Protein backbone atom coordinates (compact mmCIF):
# COMPACT_ATOMS: atom_id res chain seq x y z
CA MET A 1 254.00 20.18 -38.75
CA LEU A 2 251.81 17.14 -39.25
CA TRP A 3 250.10 17.70 -35.87
CA PHE A 4 249.24 21.28 -36.79
CA SER A 5 247.70 20.24 -40.12
CA ILE A 6 245.51 17.63 -38.39
CA ALA A 7 244.42 20.04 -35.66
CA ALA A 8 243.58 22.68 -38.23
CA ARG A 9 241.19 20.32 -40.01
CA ALA A 10 239.79 18.76 -36.84
CA SER A 11 236.03 18.88 -36.37
CA SER A 12 235.57 16.76 -33.29
CA LEU A 13 237.06 15.84 -29.95
CA LEU A 14 236.74 12.31 -28.58
CA VAL A 15 236.65 11.80 -24.82
CA TYR A 16 237.30 8.07 -24.82
CA MET A 17 235.98 6.01 -21.89
CA ASP A 18 237.92 2.76 -22.05
CA GLU A 19 240.88 1.77 -19.84
CA ASP A 20 243.04 4.50 -21.42
CA GLN A 21 240.97 7.31 -19.86
CA LYS A 22 242.80 9.02 -16.97
CA ASP A 23 239.66 10.30 -15.24
CA HIS A 24 236.36 8.66 -16.14
CA LEU A 25 234.39 10.58 -13.54
CA LYS A 26 235.46 14.06 -14.61
CA SER A 27 234.75 13.03 -18.22
CA TYR A 28 231.05 13.11 -17.42
CA GLY A 29 231.54 16.61 -16.08
CA ILE A 30 233.10 17.62 -19.39
CA ALA A 31 230.09 16.25 -21.29
CA PHE A 32 227.70 18.10 -18.95
CA TRP A 33 229.72 21.32 -19.25
CA ALA A 34 229.73 21.07 -23.05
CA ILE A 35 225.96 20.60 -23.20
CA LYS A 36 225.50 23.65 -20.96
CA HIS A 37 227.67 25.67 -23.35
CA SER A 38 225.67 24.60 -26.42
CA ILE A 39 228.52 22.48 -27.78
CA GLU A 40 227.42 19.39 -29.69
CA VAL A 41 227.77 16.23 -27.59
CA ASN A 42 227.10 12.68 -28.76
CA TRP A 43 227.28 9.62 -26.53
CA LEU A 44 228.81 6.69 -28.44
CA LEU A 45 227.27 3.74 -26.62
CA ASN A 46 229.61 0.74 -26.35
CA TYR A 47 232.34 2.47 -28.37
CA ARG A 48 235.51 2.42 -26.27
CA GLY A 49 233.58 2.13 -23.02
CA GLY A 50 230.84 4.60 -23.89
CA SER A 51 232.83 7.55 -25.25
CA PHE A 52 231.73 11.15 -25.81
CA LEU A 53 232.15 12.82 -29.20
CA LEU A 54 232.16 16.60 -28.85
CA GLY A 55 232.33 19.46 -31.27
CA HIS A 56 235.93 20.64 -31.30
CA THR A 57 236.92 24.06 -30.03
CA LYS A 58 240.00 25.32 -28.22
CA THR A 59 237.78 26.03 -25.23
CA VAL A 60 236.76 22.36 -25.01
CA GLU A 61 240.39 21.27 -25.24
CA ASP A 62 241.39 23.72 -22.54
CA GLU A 63 238.60 22.47 -20.28
CA CYS A 64 239.70 18.84 -20.74
CA LYS A 65 243.29 19.79 -19.92
CA ALA A 66 242.25 21.76 -16.85
CA ARG A 67 240.21 18.84 -15.51
CA GLY A 68 242.75 16.15 -16.37
CA VAL A 69 240.47 14.36 -18.84
CA SER A 70 242.04 12.31 -21.66
CA TYR A 71 240.92 13.06 -25.21
CA GLU A 72 241.81 12.83 -28.88
CA VAL A 73 241.38 15.52 -31.52
CA LEU A 74 239.92 13.94 -34.66
CA ALA A 75 239.93 15.02 -38.29
CA ASP A 76 236.76 14.59 -40.35
CA ALA A 77 237.93 11.38 -41.97
CA ARG A 78 238.51 9.68 -38.61
CA VAL A 79 235.12 10.85 -37.31
CA ASN A 80 233.40 9.40 -40.37
CA THR A 81 235.17 6.08 -39.83
CA ILE A 82 234.02 5.94 -36.21
CA LEU A 83 230.43 6.85 -37.05
CA THR A 84 230.34 4.22 -39.78
CA GLU A 85 231.56 1.63 -37.28
CA VAL A 86 228.99 2.69 -34.68
CA SER A 87 226.08 2.70 -37.17
CA ASP A 88 226.86 -0.76 -38.55
CA THR A 89 223.74 -2.87 -38.04
CA GLN A 90 225.91 -5.79 -36.90
CA ALA A 91 227.67 -3.73 -34.22
CA ASN A 92 226.20 -3.40 -30.73
CA MET A 93 226.77 0.35 -30.72
CA GLU A 94 224.66 3.47 -31.07
CA MET A 95 225.10 7.23 -31.13
CA VAL A 96 222.83 9.26 -28.87
CA LYS A 97 222.75 13.04 -29.01
CA LEU A 98 222.81 14.78 -25.63
CA GLU A 99 220.72 17.91 -26.04
CA LYS A 100 219.79 19.53 -22.72
CA ALA A 101 221.68 19.58 -19.45
CA PRO A 102 219.25 18.27 -16.82
CA LYS A 103 218.45 20.43 -13.80
CA ILE A 104 219.51 18.32 -10.84
CA ALA A 105 218.17 18.18 -7.30
CA VAL A 106 219.39 16.10 -4.38
CA TYR A 107 216.88 15.29 -1.66
CA SER A 108 218.97 15.70 1.48
CA PRO A 109 218.60 17.21 4.96
CA LYS A 110 220.13 20.62 5.54
CA SER A 111 221.54 19.47 8.89
CA LYS A 112 224.85 17.63 9.07
CA LEU A 113 224.58 13.87 9.60
CA PRO A 114 227.56 11.56 10.29
CA TRP A 115 227.67 10.02 6.83
CA ASP A 116 228.21 11.30 3.33
CA ASP A 117 226.35 10.57 0.12
CA ALA A 118 227.99 8.98 -2.92
CA VAL A 119 225.95 11.01 -5.40
CA THR A 120 226.79 14.42 -3.95
CA LEU A 121 230.44 13.32 -3.69
CA VAL A 122 230.64 12.37 -7.37
CA LEU A 123 228.62 15.33 -8.61
CA THR A 124 230.99 17.64 -6.77
CA TYR A 125 234.07 15.80 -8.03
CA ALA A 126 232.79 15.82 -11.63
CA GLU A 127 231.89 19.52 -11.27
CA ILE A 128 228.23 18.97 -12.13
CA PRO A 129 225.98 21.53 -10.40
CA TYR A 130 223.00 20.54 -8.27
CA ASP A 131 220.52 22.00 -5.78
CA VAL A 132 219.63 20.55 -2.39
CA VAL A 133 215.94 20.14 -1.58
CA TYR A 134 214.23 18.50 1.36
CA ASP A 135 210.76 18.00 2.76
CA ASP A 136 209.69 21.66 2.81
CA GLU A 137 210.64 22.20 -0.83
CA VAL A 138 209.09 18.93 -2.02
CA LEU A 139 205.81 19.61 -0.24
CA LYS A 140 205.70 23.10 -1.77
CA GLY A 141 205.81 21.54 -5.25
CA ASN A 142 209.32 22.69 -6.08
CA LEU A 143 210.24 19.45 -7.86
CA ALA A 144 208.47 20.76 -10.94
CA GLY A 145 211.55 22.86 -11.63
CA TYR A 146 213.87 19.86 -11.94
CA ASP A 147 214.55 17.03 -14.38
CA TRP A 148 216.51 14.65 -12.15
CA LEU A 149 216.16 13.86 -8.45
CA HIS A 150 218.42 11.82 -6.22
CA LEU A 151 217.22 10.46 -2.89
CA HIS A 152 219.91 10.85 -0.27
CA HIS A 153 220.41 8.02 2.26
CA GLU A 154 216.92 8.36 3.69
CA ASP A 155 214.25 6.56 5.69
CA PHE A 156 210.83 7.34 4.25
CA THR A 157 209.02 5.20 6.84
CA GLY A 158 209.53 7.76 9.62
CA GLN A 159 211.70 5.47 11.78
CA TYR A 160 214.81 7.68 11.64
CA GLY A 161 216.87 5.08 9.84
CA ARG A 162 216.33 2.54 12.63
CA PHE A 163 219.35 4.09 14.34
CA TRP A 164 217.48 4.28 17.66
CA SER A 165 219.01 1.17 19.22
CA SER A 166 222.62 2.25 18.68
CA PHE A 167 222.60 6.03 18.47
CA ARG A 168 219.56 7.33 20.36
CA ASN A 169 221.76 9.16 22.89
CA ASP A 170 224.03 10.73 20.29
CA VAL A 171 223.66 14.46 19.65
CA TRP A 172 223.29 14.03 15.88
CA TYR A 173 220.44 11.55 16.27
CA ARG A 174 218.55 13.69 18.77
CA GLU A 175 218.99 16.74 16.57
CA ASP A 176 217.71 14.83 13.54
CA VAL A 177 214.59 13.71 15.40
CA LYS A 178 214.01 17.27 16.61
CA ASN A 179 214.40 18.71 13.12
CA GLN A 180 212.16 16.09 11.52
CA GLU A 181 209.41 16.57 14.09
CA ALA A 182 209.57 20.35 13.66
CA ALA A 183 209.28 19.96 9.88
CA ALA A 184 206.27 17.68 10.25
CA LYS A 185 204.52 20.18 12.53
CA ARG A 186 205.45 23.07 10.23
CA ASN A 187 203.88 21.29 7.28
CA GLY A 188 200.69 20.31 9.13
CA PHE A 189 201.40 16.66 9.98
CA ASN A 190 200.99 14.96 13.34
CA LYS A 191 203.76 12.46 12.71
CA VAL A 192 207.03 12.36 10.81
CA SER A 193 205.89 9.14 9.11
CA GLU A 194 202.84 10.98 7.72
CA MET A 195 205.05 13.74 6.34
CA LYS A 196 207.50 11.28 4.79
CA LEU A 197 204.64 9.44 3.08
CA ALA A 198 203.37 12.72 1.62
CA VAL A 199 206.89 13.48 0.38
CA ALA A 200 207.22 10.01 -1.15
CA LYS A 201 203.91 10.46 -2.95
CA GLN A 202 205.05 13.84 -4.33
CA ILE A 203 208.26 12.24 -5.57
CA LYS A 204 206.32 9.39 -7.17
CA GLN A 205 204.14 11.98 -8.90
CA PHE A 206 207.25 13.85 -10.08
CA CYS A 207 208.59 10.65 -11.60
CA GLY A 208 205.27 9.67 -13.17
CA GLY A 209 205.01 13.07 -14.79
CA GLY A 210 208.27 12.62 -16.66
CA GLY A 211 210.97 13.13 -14.03
CA PHE A 212 214.03 10.94 -13.52
CA LEU A 213 214.49 9.43 -10.07
CA PHE A 214 217.69 7.88 -8.74
CA ALA A 215 218.03 6.35 -5.29
CA MET A 216 220.68 4.42 -3.38
CA CYS A 217 220.92 2.49 -0.12
CA SER A 218 217.87 2.90 2.16
CA GLY A 219 216.40 5.54 -0.13
CA THR A 220 215.26 2.62 -2.31
CA ASP A 221 213.42 0.08 -0.16
CA THR A 222 212.08 2.53 2.46
CA PHE A 223 210.55 4.57 -0.37
CA ASP A 224 208.53 1.59 -1.58
CA ILE A 225 207.71 0.44 1.97
CA ALA A 226 206.33 3.88 2.84
CA LEU A 227 204.16 3.95 -0.29
CA SER A 228 202.85 0.45 0.37
CA ALA A 229 201.99 1.27 3.99
CA GLU A 230 199.80 4.29 3.28
CA GLY A 231 197.20 4.49 6.06
CA VAL A 232 198.95 1.81 8.11
CA ASP A 233 200.99 2.50 11.26
CA ILE A 234 204.28 0.56 10.94
CA CYS A 235 206.22 2.66 13.49
CA GLU A 236 206.74 1.59 17.09
CA SER A 237 206.27 3.99 20.01
CA MET A 238 209.89 5.15 20.22
CA PHE A 239 209.47 6.60 16.73
CA ASP A 240 205.99 8.13 16.79
CA GLY A 241 204.63 7.90 20.34
CA ASP A 242 202.22 4.99 19.86
CA ALA A 243 202.30 1.31 18.99
CA SER A 244 202.35 0.00 15.45
CA ASP A 245 199.37 -1.79 13.92
CA PRO A 246 199.75 -5.51 14.81
CA GLY A 247 198.04 -6.39 11.52
CA ALA A 248 200.22 -4.09 9.40
CA GLN A 249 201.67 -6.83 7.19
CA GLU A 250 198.24 -7.93 5.94
CA LYS A 251 197.36 -4.33 5.06
CA ILE A 252 200.41 -3.62 2.87
CA ASP A 253 199.41 -2.64 -0.68
CA PHE A 254 202.09 -3.73 -3.16
CA SER A 255 200.26 -2.09 -6.05
CA LYS A 256 201.49 1.29 -4.78
CA THR A 257 205.20 0.45 -4.96
CA LEU A 258 207.62 1.16 -7.79
CA ALA A 259 209.97 -1.84 -7.76
CA PHE A 260 209.20 -4.39 -5.06
CA LYS A 261 206.45 -6.88 -4.28
CA ASP A 262 205.49 -9.52 -1.71
CA PHE A 263 207.98 -8.35 0.91
CA HIS A 264 207.59 -8.85 4.65
CA LEU A 265 208.18 -6.05 7.12
CA ASP A 266 210.82 -6.36 9.82
CA VAL A 267 208.87 -5.34 12.92
CA ASN A 268 211.83 -5.33 15.34
CA PRO A 269 212.58 -1.63 16.05
CA GLY A 270 216.10 -2.54 17.18
CA ASN A 271 216.99 -4.06 13.84
CA TYR A 272 218.59 -1.99 11.06
CA GLU A 273 216.47 -3.82 8.48
CA PHE A 274 213.06 -2.55 7.38
CA SER A 275 211.97 -5.66 5.46
CA ASP A 276 213.29 -8.73 3.68
CA ILE A 277 213.85 -6.74 0.46
CA ASP A 278 217.43 -6.15 1.56
CA VAL A 279 219.84 -9.10 1.82
CA THR A 280 222.52 -7.52 4.04
CA GLN A 281 221.94 -9.81 7.02
CA THR A 282 221.36 -13.03 5.08
CA ARG A 283 224.05 -12.96 2.38
CA GLY A 284 227.16 -15.12 2.47
CA LEU A 285 229.58 -12.81 0.67
CA THR A 286 232.70 -11.04 1.91
CA GLN A 287 234.69 -8.19 0.44
CA ASN A 288 236.93 -10.70 -1.33
CA ASN A 289 234.13 -12.34 -3.34
CA ASP A 290 231.46 -9.62 -3.49
CA TYR A 291 230.90 -8.70 -7.14
CA PHE A 292 227.99 -8.09 -9.46
CA THR A 293 227.76 -8.27 -13.23
CA LEU A 294 226.23 -5.72 -15.57
CA PHE A 295 223.96 -7.11 -18.25
CA GLU A 296 224.85 -6.28 -21.82
CA PHE A 297 221.93 -4.72 -23.67
CA SER A 298 221.41 -3.98 -27.34
CA ALA A 299 222.43 -0.37 -27.84
CA LYS A 300 220.21 -0.13 -30.92
CA TRP A 301 217.13 -1.83 -29.45
CA ASP A 302 217.34 -1.35 -25.66
CA LEU A 303 218.59 2.22 -25.55
CA VAL A 304 217.69 3.07 -21.95
CA PRO A 305 219.37 0.12 -20.20
CA ALA A 306 222.31 0.38 -22.61
CA MET A 307 222.91 3.99 -21.52
CA LEU A 308 222.60 3.14 -17.84
CA THR A 309 225.15 0.34 -18.05
CA GLN A 310 227.92 2.08 -20.01
CA ASN A 311 231.25 1.15 -18.43
CA HIS A 312 234.81 0.04 -19.06
CA ASP A 313 234.21 -2.95 -16.75
CA ARG A 314 231.27 -5.36 -16.77
CA VAL A 315 232.08 -6.96 -13.41
CA ILE A 316 231.76 -4.41 -10.59
CA LYS A 317 233.07 -4.89 -7.08
CA GLY A 318 230.28 -4.93 -4.51
CA PHE A 319 229.85 -2.57 -1.57
CA MET A 320 227.59 -2.64 1.45
CA GLY A 321 225.02 -0.25 2.86
CA GLN A 322 222.04 -0.26 5.16
CA THR A 323 220.36 -1.58 2.02
CA THR A 324 223.07 -3.51 0.19
CA ALA A 325 221.18 -5.41 -2.50
CA PHE A 326 217.64 -6.46 -3.36
CA ARG A 327 216.27 -9.98 -3.05
CA LYS A 328 215.56 -10.92 -6.66
CA SER A 329 212.38 -12.85 -5.84
CA LEU A 330 210.85 -9.62 -4.50
CA VAL A 331 211.56 -7.49 -7.59
CA LYS A 332 208.52 -6.89 -9.79
CA PRO A 333 208.58 -8.64 -13.20
CA SER A 334 208.13 -5.29 -14.97
CA ILE A 335 211.52 -4.11 -13.70
CA THR A 336 214.65 -4.23 -15.87
CA VAL A 337 217.53 -5.76 -13.92
CA LEU A 338 220.72 -3.92 -14.91
CA GLY A 339 223.20 -5.66 -12.62
CA GLU A 340 223.04 -8.71 -10.38
CA ASN A 341 224.89 -11.41 -8.53
CA LYS A 342 223.04 -14.33 -10.05
CA ALA A 343 224.50 -16.99 -7.78
CA GLU A 344 223.32 -15.13 -4.67
CA GLY A 345 219.94 -14.13 -6.09
CA GLU A 346 220.81 -10.47 -5.55
CA VAL A 347 219.82 -7.52 -7.72
CA ARG A 348 222.22 -4.61 -7.27
CA TYR A 349 221.06 -2.20 -9.94
CA LEU A 350 217.61 -1.87 -11.55
CA ASN A 351 215.52 0.43 -13.68
CA GLY A 352 211.81 0.87 -14.17
CA GLN A 353 209.24 3.13 -15.72
CA ILE A 354 206.25 4.83 -14.16
CA GLY A 355 204.02 7.00 -16.31
CA LYS A 356 206.23 9.24 -18.42
CA GLY A 357 209.26 8.93 -16.11
CA GLN A 358 212.06 6.56 -15.20
CA PHE A 359 213.55 5.45 -11.90
CA THR A 360 216.77 3.66 -11.03
CA PHE A 361 217.59 1.95 -7.73
CA TYR A 362 221.22 1.13 -6.84
CA GLY A 363 221.98 -0.96 -3.76
CA GLY A 364 224.76 -0.02 -1.33
CA HIS A 365 226.15 3.19 0.12
CA ASP A 366 229.57 3.99 -1.41
CA PRO A 367 231.06 2.16 -4.42
CA GLU A 368 234.63 2.73 -3.18
CA ASP A 369 234.14 2.09 0.55
CA TYR A 370 233.09 -1.50 1.09
CA GLN A 371 231.56 -1.17 4.56
CA HIS A 372 231.01 2.53 5.16
CA ALA A 373 230.13 3.06 8.82
CA VAL A 374 228.44 5.94 10.58
CA GLY A 375 231.10 8.56 11.27
CA ASP A 376 233.58 7.37 8.64
CA PRO A 377 235.27 10.12 6.58
CA PRO A 378 234.02 10.77 3.04
CA THR A 379 235.69 8.99 0.14
CA ASP A 380 238.36 10.99 -1.69
CA LEU A 381 237.37 10.46 -5.30
CA SER A 382 240.67 11.84 -6.57
CA LEU A 383 241.99 8.43 -5.47
CA HIS A 384 239.32 6.64 -7.53
CA PRO A 385 238.96 8.61 -10.81
CA ASN A 386 238.27 5.43 -12.80
CA SER A 387 235.69 3.87 -10.46
CA PRO A 388 233.29 1.61 -12.42
CA GLY A 389 230.82 1.71 -9.53
CA TYR A 390 230.68 5.48 -9.50
CA ARG A 391 230.34 5.55 -13.29
CA LEU A 392 226.92 3.93 -12.94
CA ILE A 393 225.74 6.92 -10.91
CA LEU A 394 226.94 9.36 -13.57
CA ASN A 395 225.29 7.36 -16.37
CA ASN A 396 222.02 8.21 -14.64
CA VAL A 397 222.94 11.89 -14.37
CA LEU A 398 223.47 12.20 -18.14
CA PHE A 399 220.59 9.93 -19.11
CA PRO A 400 217.92 12.69 -19.06
CA ALA A 401 220.00 14.74 -21.51
CA ALA A 402 219.58 12.16 -24.26
CA LYS A 403 217.41 12.87 -27.25
CA LYS A 404 214.72 10.23 -27.14
CA LYS A 405 214.26 8.12 -30.24
CA PRO A 406 211.01 6.43 -31.23
CA GLN A 407 210.74 2.97 -29.67
CA LYS A 408 211.74 0.30 -32.17
CA THR A 409 209.21 -2.45 -32.78
């Protein structure tokens, strides 16, 4: 009878996000679903791993049960105790209201390539809806209809991921080249590299106008390299039919990039690297000792990085990719480093601002597959429902839903 009396007076439902949560990833889907259904959602930063406090209804409870998400039903008195704890000026906690479910787009080719994408995997697992857009849609200005954009594993330099040396005779590679060249011609460009630059500039404009940009793996460094090389041919003949500019390095304009500076191009077309931004081929780590640490930010003073680093673990196991991590010396001083391996001089996770928008770059390909190779099967996230590495992706998905507070000074 006691349970019934508590439930009858309950006003809130707590989806806790500490080690007791059965499915951290689907918990984000519950928060997104609740926002979409006009149910009050508050993100309790640094309270039990970054918990969600929702308005209580039977429908919310049923949804949590259906998705296997752990929760507690709270009476008013318990809610007041929690909110008092969170609002304490001495506590590194904050409550952020999540008001509007962001409209999500994933920049990804329509054709099937022999690798999967961590963001689409986790969005699907968490049951968060998204649209797929690619070059045609971006160049038509369709990004204006979205709040959040993820860049799929992509090469914005027009060099087809530098897969030429190993996969140029494979059907998937030849089909990708054919499709990219057809898209370039269809959109009025002579070269794929010219089209990709135009796409990158549209995405940069989307972000500067107030959009939220999230990129992983080669979608990070190739994006900046393409922007910096505007008007400069950095593609060898096997990629665009003519030789690259031998003086390309001296013509790179770092003022056009979002996150990186002073990098040197890798001019070897047979190398998977595009520049020295990435540390994949120079690092001394193995799977056994590859970790990075999340910085702890003030939830009351540094709201943005605090939201992006919510987790039940502060030390995250590393994972490789074509772009695994960023050389710290080449990260612009205006960038906020969210996670790094300090001893190795590697930045794994960063955030920056351009105009009215925000961007986040996350090194590596799949947080639960250390060395994901071309052709490997996709990760089954039902085996990793508490993945700290995947949680970082979903922090970014919910970030645009937050009600912005005036900057404290």
